[in-house]
Amino acid sequence: MAEVRRLVLPQPVANVLDRDCDAERAILAELKPGTVMMSGDNPALPRMPKAPTLLDFFRLRFGKITYNHLLQSARRAQKAGESEKVVMACLLHDISNGCLIRTDHAYWSAQIVAPYVDEEVAWAIEKHQALRFYPDESVGYGYPEAYVKFYGPDYVVPEYLQREYRAAKDHPWYLTSRIITINDVYSFEANVEIDAREFEDVIGRNFRQPEEGLGFDNSPVAHMWRTMIWPTNFL
């Protein structure tokens, strides 16, 4: 069978500024005999196992910045003597940033893992998006200096995050989410690399790995994991 050339069309969320779809039209114009749209395993990406585990996504799909950040965050929490539940929350809090989407990343991250973790873990991950903008000196968390650079000195937190903060700060699980922010802001050391297998036992006790593999267990979020497996699929 003759080898075909496969074309990759950017996902709409990454191409939203091109309202006339000029880039999309240009790629589709390349379709001809011997050329198809990308579907299935992209040879430019490491191939995922048939039944992928959480650690497989860490190794084979996450960008290096997210990979190192999550592991540094979890290690900081572990060294501080936090519970495994909190360590797990730190390990997963920015999982969406790894290879899915940055916008409202904590909401996406919480949804991605919700079927597989304790409810408190998913809640804490979601609420850290709002809490990270609000200092809590009682636990040693100040407004991150990096946010002044990212958003400017006069940044106003959006109303929906203001509401989330007010609700979260009075919640019984507030400290679980707050500890994520504490172990989040300082976990970007450039020369620290950690092997994800360091947390294999913690994951085994706190993450319900489906036998069929993430993306194939018919859970409400299986499609999100499949998107991370095949991020360049045409449809």
C-alpha atoms as a PDB file:
ATOM      1  CA  MET A   1       0.000   0.000   0.000  1.00  0.00           C
ATOM      2  CA  ALA A   2       1.398   3.370  -1.027  1.00  0.00           C
ATOM      3  CA  GLU A   3       2.298   5.710   1.800  1.00  0.00           C
ATOM      4  CA  VAL A   4      -0.018   8.681   2.116  1.00  0.00           C
ATOM      5  CA  ARG A   5       0.744  12.184   3.307  1.00  0.00           C
ATOM      6  CA  ARG A   6      -1.386  13.258   6.255  1.00  0.00           C
ATOM      7  CA  LEU A   7      -2.351  16.891   6.762  1.00  0.00           C
ATOM      8  CA  VAL A   8      -2.745  18.496  10.202  1.00  0.00           C
ATOM      9  CA  LEU A   9      -5.392  21.177  10.549  1.00  0.00           C
ATOM     10  CA  PRO A  10      -5.063  23.392  13.653  1.00  0.00           C
ATOM     11  CA  GLN A  11      -7.891  22.988  16.148  1.00  0.00           C
ATOM     12  CA  PRO A  12     -10.350  25.944  15.992  1.00  0.00           C
ATOM     13  CA  VAL A  13      -9.517  27.064  19.529  1.00  0.00           C
ATOM     14  CA  ALA A  14      -5.916  27.594  18.394  1.00  0.00           C
ATOM     15  CA  ASN A  15      -6.959  29.298  15.183  1.00  0.00           C
ATOM     16  CA  VAL A  16      -9.690  31.625  16.389  1.00  0.00           C
ATOM     17  CA  LEU A  17      -7.991  34.827  15.172  1.00  0.00           C
ATOM     18  CA  ASP A  18      -8.198  33.598  11.594  1.00  0.00           C
ATOM     19  CA  ARG A  19     -11.888  34.405  11.172  1.00  0.00           C
ATOM     20  CA  ASP A  20     -11.753  33.942   7.405  1.00  0.00           C
ATOM     21  CA  CYS A  21     -10.159  30.496   7.879  1.00  0.00           C
ATOM     22  CA  ASP A  22      -7.386  31.302   5.401  1.00  0.00           C
ATOM     23  CA  ALA A  23      -4.991  28.800   6.995  1.00  0.00           C
ATOM     24  CA  GLU A  24      -7.679  26.112   7.040  1.00  0.00           C
ATOM     25  CA  ARG A  25      -8.550  26.705   3.399  1.00  0.00           C
ATOM     26  CA  ALA A  26      -4.880  26.555   2.416  1.00  0.00           C
ATOM     27  CA  ILE A  27      -4.392  23.188   4.101  1.00  0.00           C
ATOM     28  CA  LEU A  28      -7.603  21.703   2.720  1.00  0.00           C
ATOM     29  CA  ALA A  29      -6.519  22.841  -0.746  1.00  0.00           C
ATOM     30  CA  GLU A  30      -3.592  20.410  -0.457  1.00  0.00           C
ATOM     31  CA  LEU A  31      -5.918  17.393  -0.430  1.00  0.00           C
ATOM     32  CA  LYS A  32      -5.291  15.261  -3.502  1.00  0.00           C
ATOM     33  CA  PRO A  33      -4.715  11.572  -4.306  1.00  0.00           C
ATOM     34  CA  GLY A  34      -2.158  10.219  -1.863  1.00  0.00           C
ATOM     35  CA  THR A  35      -3.016  12.878   0.732  1.00  0.00           C
ATOM     36  CA  VAL A  36      -5.458  12.521   3.644  1.00  0.00           C
ATOM     37  CA  MET A  37      -6.321  14.408   6.797  1.00  0.00           C
ATOM     38  CA  MET A  38      -4.590  13.390  10.018  1.00  0.00           C
ATOM     39  CA  SER A  39      -6.361  10.701  12.007  1.00  0.00           C
ATOM     40  CA  GLY A  40      -5.081   8.351  14.682  1.00  0.00           C
ATOM     41  CA  ASP A  41      -1.439   8.195  15.751  1.00  0.00           C
ATOM     42  CA  ASN A  42       0.588  11.159  14.552  1.00  0.00           C
ATOM     43  CA  PRO A  43       4.103   9.873  13.752  1.00  0.00           C
ATOM     44  CA  ALA A  44       5.529  13.153  15.081  1.00  0.00           C
ATOM     45  CA  LEU A  45       4.300  12.223  18.581  1.00  0.00           C
ATOM     46  CA  PRO A  46       5.371   9.365  20.849  1.00  0.00           C
ATOM     47  CA  ARG A  47       2.895   6.513  20.495  1.00  0.00           C
ATOM     48  CA  MET A  48       0.716   5.912  23.537  1.00  0.00           C
ATOM     49  CA  PRO A  49       0.164   2.389  24.904  1.00  0.00           C
ATOM     50  CA  LYS A  50      -3.104   0.599  24.136  1.00  0.00           C
ATOM     51  CA  ALA A  51      -4.375   1.142  27.699  1.00  0.00           C
ATOM     52  CA  PRO A  52      -2.601   4.333  28.796  1.00  0.00           C
ATOM     53  CA  THR A  53      -2.077   5.190  32.447  1.00  0.00           C
ATOM     54  CA  LEU A  54      -1.722   8.574  34.108  1.00  0.00           C
ATOM     55  CA  LEU A  55       2.053   8.164  34.132  1.00  0.00           C
ATOM     56  CA  ASP A  56       1.989   7.476  30.379  1.00  0.00           C
ATOM     57  CA  PHE A  57       0.429  10.907  29.842  1.00  0.00           C
ATOM     58  CA  PHE A  58       3.074  12.501  32.039  1.00  0.00           C
ATOM     59  CA  ARG A  59       5.862  10.809  30.040  1.00  0.00           C
ATOM     60  CA  LEU A  60       4.488  10.935  26.507  1.00  0.00           C
ATOM     61  CA  ARG A  61       2.164  13.925  26.245  1.00  0.00           C
ATOM     62  CA  PHE A  62       3.003  16.611  28.784  1.00  0.00           C
ATOM     63  CA  GLY A  63       5.263  19.491  27.838  1.00  0.00           C
ATOM     64  CA  LYS A  64       8.452  19.689  29.877  1.00  0.00           C
ATOM     65  CA  ILE A  65       7.440  22.875  31.716  1.00  0.00           C
ATOM     66  CA  THR A  66       4.159  21.393  32.948  1.00  0.00           C
ATOM     67  CA  TYR A  67       5.759  18.017  33.661  1.00  0.00           C
ATOM     68  CA  ASN A  68       8.454  19.529  35.877  1.00  0.00           C
ATOM     69  CA  HIS A  69       6.088  22.019  37.492  1.00  0.00           C
ATOM     70  CA  LEU A  70       3.552  19.408  38.589  1.00  0.00           C
ATOM     71  CA  LEU A  71       6.210  17.078  39.949  1.00  0.00           C
ATOM     72  CA  GLN A  72       8.002  19.880  41.793  1.00  0.00           C
ATOM     73  CA  SER A  73       4.698  21.015  43.278  1.00  0.00           C
ATOM     74  CA  ALA A  74       3.831  17.501  44.475  1.00  0.00           C
ATOM     75  CA  ARG A  75       7.310  16.986  45.921  1.00  0.00           C
ATOM     76  CA  ARG A  76       7.140  20.279  47.837  1.00  0.00           C
ATOM     77  CA  ALA A  77       3.812  19.238  49.339  1.00  0.00           C
ATOM     78  CA  GLN A  78       5.162  15.817  50.221  1.00  0.00           C
ATOM     79  CA  LYS A  79       8.272  17.237  51.911  1.00  0.00           C
ATOM     80  CA  ALA A  80       6.063  19.630  53.881  1.00  0.00           C
ATOM     81  CA  GLY A  81       4.291  16.613  55.349  1.00  0.00           C
ATOM     82  CA  GLU A  82       0.993  17.115  53.556  1.00  0.00           C
ATOM     83  CA  SER A  83      -1.445  14.207  53.195  1.00  0.00           C
ATOM     84  CA  GLU A  84      -1.388  12.040  50.093  1.00  0.00           C
ATOM     85  CA  LYS A  85      -4.708  13.587  49.092  1.00  0.00           C
ATOM     86  CA  VAL A  86      -3.077  17.024  48.996  1.00  0.00           C
ATOM     87  CA  VAL A  87       0.022  15.674  47.226  1.00  0.00           C
ATOM     88  CA  MET A  88      -2.278  14.158  44.592  1.00  0.00           C
ATOM     89  CA  ALA A  89      -4.087  17.463  44.141  1.00  0.00           C
ATOM     90  CA  CYS A  90      -0.760  19.245  43.636  1.00  0.00           C
ATOM     91  CA  LEU A  91       0.347  16.584  41.159  1.00  0.00           C
ATOM     92  CA  LEU A  92      -2.758  17.137  39.012  1.00  0.00           C
ATOM     93  CA  HIS A  93      -3.650  20.801  39.513  1.00  0.00           C
ATOM     94  CA  ASP A  94      -2.393  22.051  36.116  1.00  0.00           C
ATOM     95  CA  ILE A  95      -2.907  18.856  34.136  1.00  0.00           C
ATOM     96  CA  SER A  96      -4.899  20.668  31.431  1.00  0.00           C
ATOM     97  CA  ASN A  97      -1.911  22.912  30.740  1.00  0.00           C
ATOM     98  CA  GLY A  98       0.113  19.818  29.902  1.00  0.00           C
ATOM     99  CA  CYS A  99      -1.411  19.181  26.506  1.00  0.00           C
ATOM    100  CA  LEU A 100      -5.015  20.374  26.304  1.00  0.00           C
ATOM    101  CA  ILE A 101      -5.897  24.018  27.033  1.00  0.00           C
ATOM    102  CA  ARG A 102      -4.770  26.916  29.243  1.00  0.00           C
ATOM    103  CA  THR A 103      -7.998  28.928  29.338  1.00  0.00           C
ATOM    104  CA  ASP A 104      -9.821  28.194  32.622  1.00  0.00           C
ATOM    105  CA  HIS A 105      -7.239  25.482  33.107  1.00  0.00           C
ATOM    106  CA  ALA A 106      -8.249  24.613  36.674  1.00  0.00           C
ATOM    107  CA  TYR A 107     -11.826  23.875  35.639  1.00  0.00           C
ATOM    108  CA  TRP A 108     -10.628  21.659  32.797  1.00  0.00           C
ATOM    109  CA  SER A 109      -8.058  19.988  35.046  1.00  0.00           C
ATOM    110  CA  ALA A 110     -10.676  19.230  37.698  1.00  0.00           C
ATOM    111  CA  GLN A 111     -13.105  17.766  35.170  1.00  0.00           C
ATOM    112  CA  ILE A 112     -10.440  15.640  33.501  1.00  0.00           C
ATOM    113  CA  VAL A 113      -9.572  13.860  36.744  1.00  0.00           C
ATOM    114  CA  ALA A 114     -12.899  13.981  38.633  1.00  0.00           C
ATOM    115  CA  PRO A 115     -13.981  10.366  37.909  1.00  0.00           C
ATOM    116  CA  TYR A 116     -10.663   9.015  39.170  1.00  0.00           C
ATOM    117  CA  VAL A 117      -9.912  10.946  42.359  1.00  0.00           C
ATOM    118  CA  ASP A 118     -11.512  11.840  45.671  1.00  0.00           C
ATOM    119  CA  GLU A 119     -14.152  14.570  45.348  1.00  0.00           C
ATOM    120  CA  GLU A 120     -12.103  16.866  47.587  1.00  0.00           C
ATOM    121  CA  VAL A 121      -9.117  16.593  45.235  1.00  0.00           C
ATOM    122  CA  ALA A 122     -11.159  17.625  42.190  1.00  0.00           C
ATOM    123  CA  TRP A 123     -12.782  20.479  44.129  1.00  0.00           C
ATOM    124  CA  ALA A 124      -9.427  21.782  45.334  1.00  0.00           C
ATOM    125  CA  ILE A 125      -7.976  21.697  41.833  1.00  0.00           C
ATOM    126  CA  GLU A 126     -10.885  23.679  40.415  1.00  0.00           C
ATOM    127  CA  LYS A 127     -10.893  26.337  43.136  1.00  0.00           C
ATOM    128  CA  HIS A 128      -7.153  27.002  43.017  1.00  0.00           C
ATOM    129  CA  GLN A 129      -7.767  29.056  39.864  1.00  0.00           C
ATOM    130  CA  ALA A 130      -9.509  31.725  41.922  1.00  0.00           C
ATOM    131  CA  LEU A 131      -7.534  31.356  45.151  1.00  0.00           C
ATOM    132  CA  ARG A 132      -4.164  31.916  43.483  1.00  0.00           C
ATOM    133  CA  PHE A 133      -5.075  35.594  42.922  1.00  0.00           C
ATOM    134  CA  TYR A 134      -5.859  36.202  46.594  1.00  0.00           C
ATOM    135  CA  PRO A 135      -3.178  36.381  49.318  1.00  0.00           C
ATOM    136  CA  ASP A 136      -3.637  34.570  52.620  1.00  0.00           C
ATOM    137  CA  GLU A 137      -0.895  35.715  54.940  1.00  0.00           C
ATOM    138  CA  SER A 138      -2.099  33.333  57.679  1.00  0.00           C
ATOM    139  CA  VAL A 139      -0.609  30.454  55.677  1.00  0.00           C
ATOM    140  CA  GLY A 140       2.243  32.407  54.091  1.00  0.00           C
ATOM    141  CA  TYR A 141       0.754  32.928  50.637  1.00  0.00           C
ATOM    142  CA  GLY A 142       1.276  36.335  49.036  1.00  0.00           C
ATOM    143  CA  TYR A 143       0.237  37.630  45.646  1.00  0.00           C
ATOM    144  CA  PRO A 144       2.705  36.084  43.158  1.00  0.00           C
ATOM    145  CA  GLU A 145       5.238  38.546  41.757  1.00  0.00           C
ATOM    146  CA  ALA A 146       5.002  36.691  38.440  1.00  0.00           C
ATOM    147  CA  TYR A 147       1.354  37.737  38.122  1.00  0.00           C
ATOM    148  CA  VAL A 148       2.365  41.401  38.091  1.00  0.00           C
ATOM    149  CA  LYS A 149       4.464  40.564  35.018  1.00  0.00           C
ATOM    150  CA  PHE A 150       1.815  38.341  33.446  1.00  0.00           C
ATOM    151  CA  TYR A 151      -1.218  40.567  33.959  1.00  0.00           C
ATOM    152  CA  GLY A 152       0.117  44.021  34.857  1.00  0.00           C
ATOM    153  CA  PRO A 153       0.045  45.921  38.173  1.00  0.00           C
ATOM    154  CA  ASP A 154      -3.575  47.092  37.792  1.00  0.00           C
ATOM    155  CA  TYR A 155      -5.125  43.738  36.918  1.00  0.00           C
ATOM    156  CA  VAL A 156      -8.667  43.194  38.178  1.00  0.00           C
ATOM    157  CA  VAL A 157      -9.730  39.600  38.767  1.00  0.00           C
ATOM    158  CA  PRO A 158     -12.814  38.703  36.653  1.00  0.00           C
ATOM    159  CA  GLU A 159     -16.132  38.668  38.470  1.00  0.00           C
ATOM    160  CA  TYR A 160     -16.640  34.918  38.104  1.00  0.00           C
ATOM    161  CA  LEU A 161     -13.346  34.282  39.894  1.00  0.00           C
ATOM    162  CA  GLN A 162     -14.222  36.818  42.573  1.00  0.00           C
ATOM    163  CA  ARG A 163     -17.424  34.840  43.227  1.00  0.00           C
ATOM    164  CA  GLU A 164     -15.478  31.577  43.268  1.00  0.00           C
ATOM    165  CA  TYR A 165     -13.020  33.000  45.796  1.00  0.00           C
ATOM    166  CA  ARG A 166     -15.747  34.195  48.145  1.00  0.00           C
ATOM    167  CA  ALA A 167     -17.421  30.798  48.035  1.00  0.00           C
ATOM    168  CA  ALA A 168     -14.195  28.813  48.366  1.00  0.00           C
ATOM    169  CA  LYS A 169     -12.730  30.714  51.319  1.00  0.00           C
ATOM    170  CA  ASP A 170     -15.637  29.660  53.537  1.00  0.00           C
ATOM    171  CA  HIS A 171     -15.711  26.053  52.348  1.00  0.00           C
ATOM    172  CA  PRO A 172     -14.573  23.146  54.597  1.00  0.00           C
ATOM    173  CA  TRP A 173     -12.046  22.127  51.925  1.00  0.00           C
ATOM    174  CA  TYR A 174     -10.582  25.617  51.566  1.00  0.00           C
ATOM    175  CA  LEU A 175      -7.171  24.704  52.961  1.00  0.00           C
ATOM    176  CA  THR A 176      -6.761  21.781  50.559  1.00  0.00           C
ATOM    177  CA  SER A 177      -7.077  24.153  47.627  1.00  0.00           C
ATOM    178  CA  ARG A 178      -5.046  26.874  49.335  1.00  0.00           C
ATOM    179  CA  ILE A 179      -2.167  24.440  49.840  1.00  0.00           C
ATOM    180  CA  ILE A 180      -2.161  23.889  46.083  1.00  0.00           C
ATOM    181  CA  THR A 181      -1.495  27.600  45.575  1.00  0.00           C
ATOM    182  CA  ILE A 182       1.305  27.531  48.163  1.00  0.00           C
ATOM    183  CA  ASN A 183       3.024  24.658  46.371  1.00  0.00           C
ATOM    184  CA  ASP A 184       2.174  26.062  42.950  1.00  0.00           C
ATOM    185  CA  VAL A 185       3.834  29.452  42.880  1.00  0.00           C
ATOM    186  CA  TYR A 186       7.312  28.293  43.925  1.00  0.00           C
ATOM    187  CA  SER A 187       7.550  25.173  41.752  1.00  0.00           C
ATOM    188  CA  PHE A 188       9.212  26.476  38.605  1.00  0.00           C
ATOM    189  CA  GLU A 189      12.871  25.761  39.341  1.00  0.00           C
ATOM    190  CA  ALA A 190      14.635  25.483  35.996  1.00  0.00           C
ATOM    191  CA  ASN A 191      17.318  22.973  36.917  1.00  0.00           C
ATOM    192  CA  VAL A 192      15.225  20.551  38.951  1.00  0.00           C
ATOM    193  CA  GLU A 193      14.008  17.470  37.091  1.00  0.00           C
ATOM    194  CA  ILE A 194      11.999  14.719  38.764  1.00  0.00           C
ATOM    195  CA  ASP A 195      11.056  11.267  37.519  1.00  0.00           C
ATOM    196  CA  ALA A 196       7.263  10.898  37.589  1.00  0.00           C
ATOM    197  CA  ARG A 197       7.700   7.324  38.829  1.00  0.00           C
ATOM    198  CA  GLU A 198       8.656   8.844  42.183  1.00  0.00           C
ATOM    199  CA  PHE A 199       4.900   9.220  42.729  1.00  0.00           C
ATOM    200  CA  GLU A 200       3.844   5.832  41.390  1.00  0.00           C
ATOM    201  CA  ASP A 201       2.759   4.565  44.809  1.00  0.00           C
ATOM    202  CA  VAL A 202       0.870   7.772  45.652  1.00  0.00           C
ATOM    203  CA  ILE A 203      -0.944   7.565  42.316  1.00  0.00           C
ATOM    204  CA  GLY A 204      -1.714   3.892  42.863  1.00  0.00           C
ATOM    205  CA  ARG A 205      -3.427   4.670  46.169  1.00  0.00           C
ATOM    206  CA  ASN A 206      -5.196   7.883  45.113  1.00  0.00           C
ATOM    207  CA  PHE A 207      -6.006   7.613  41.400  1.00  0.00           C
ATOM    208  CA  ARG A 208      -8.563   5.099  40.124  1.00  0.00           C
ATOM    209  CA  GLN A 209      -6.806   3.946  36.967  1.00  0.00           C
ATOM    210  CA  PRO A 210      -9.339   2.323  34.594  1.00  0.00           C
ATOM    211  CA  GLU A 211      -8.427  -1.142  33.382  1.00  0.00           C
ATOM    212  CA  GLU A 212      -9.304  -0.186  29.795  1.00  0.00           C
ATOM    213  CA  GLY A 213      -6.924   2.780  29.912  1.00  0.00           C
ATOM    214  CA  LEU A 214      -7.639   6.488  30.231  1.00  0.00           C
ATOM    215  CA  GLY A 215      -9.745   7.515  27.254  1.00  0.00           C
ATOM    216  CA  PHE A 216     -11.352   4.116  26.722  1.00  0.00           C
ATOM    217  CA  ASP A 217     -13.366   3.498  29.893  1.00  0.00           C
ATOM    218  CA  ASN A 218     -16.564   5.228  28.724  1.00  0.00           C
ATOM    219  CA  SER A 219     -16.343   7.763  31.544  1.00  0.00           C
ATOM    220  CA  PRO A 220     -17.882  11.248  31.064  1.00  0.00           C
ATOM    221  CA  VAL A 221     -14.377  12.612  30.423  1.00  0.00           C
ATOM    222  CA  ALA A 222     -12.926   9.814  28.284  1.00  0.00           C
ATOM    223  CA  HIS A 223     -13.073  12.094  25.238  1.00  0.00           C
ATOM    224  CA  MET A 224     -10.735  14.572  26.945  1.00  0.00           C
ATOM    225  CA  TRP A 225      -8.082  11.902  27.424  1.00  0.00           C
ATOM    226  CA  ARG A 226      -8.557  10.724  23.817  1.00  0.00           C
ATOM    227  CA  THR A 227      -8.046  14.310  22.674  1.00  0.00           C
ATOM    228  CA  MET A 228      -4.706  14.296  24.461  1.00  0.00           C
ATOM    229  CA  ILE A 229      -3.804  10.966  22.848  1.00  0.00           C
ATOM    230  CA  TRP A 230      -4.737  12.168  19.351  1.00  0.00           C
ATOM    231  CA  PRO A 231      -4.541  15.992  19.541  1.00  0.00           C
ATOM    232  CA  THR A 232      -4.092  16.452  15.778  1.00  0.00           C
ATOM    233  CA  ASN A 233      -7.097  14.394  14.631  1.00  0.00           C
ATOM    234  CA  PHE A 234      -9.037  16.155  11.895  1.00  0.00           C
ATOM    235  CA  LEU A 235     -12.463  15.295  13.352  1.00  0.00           C
END
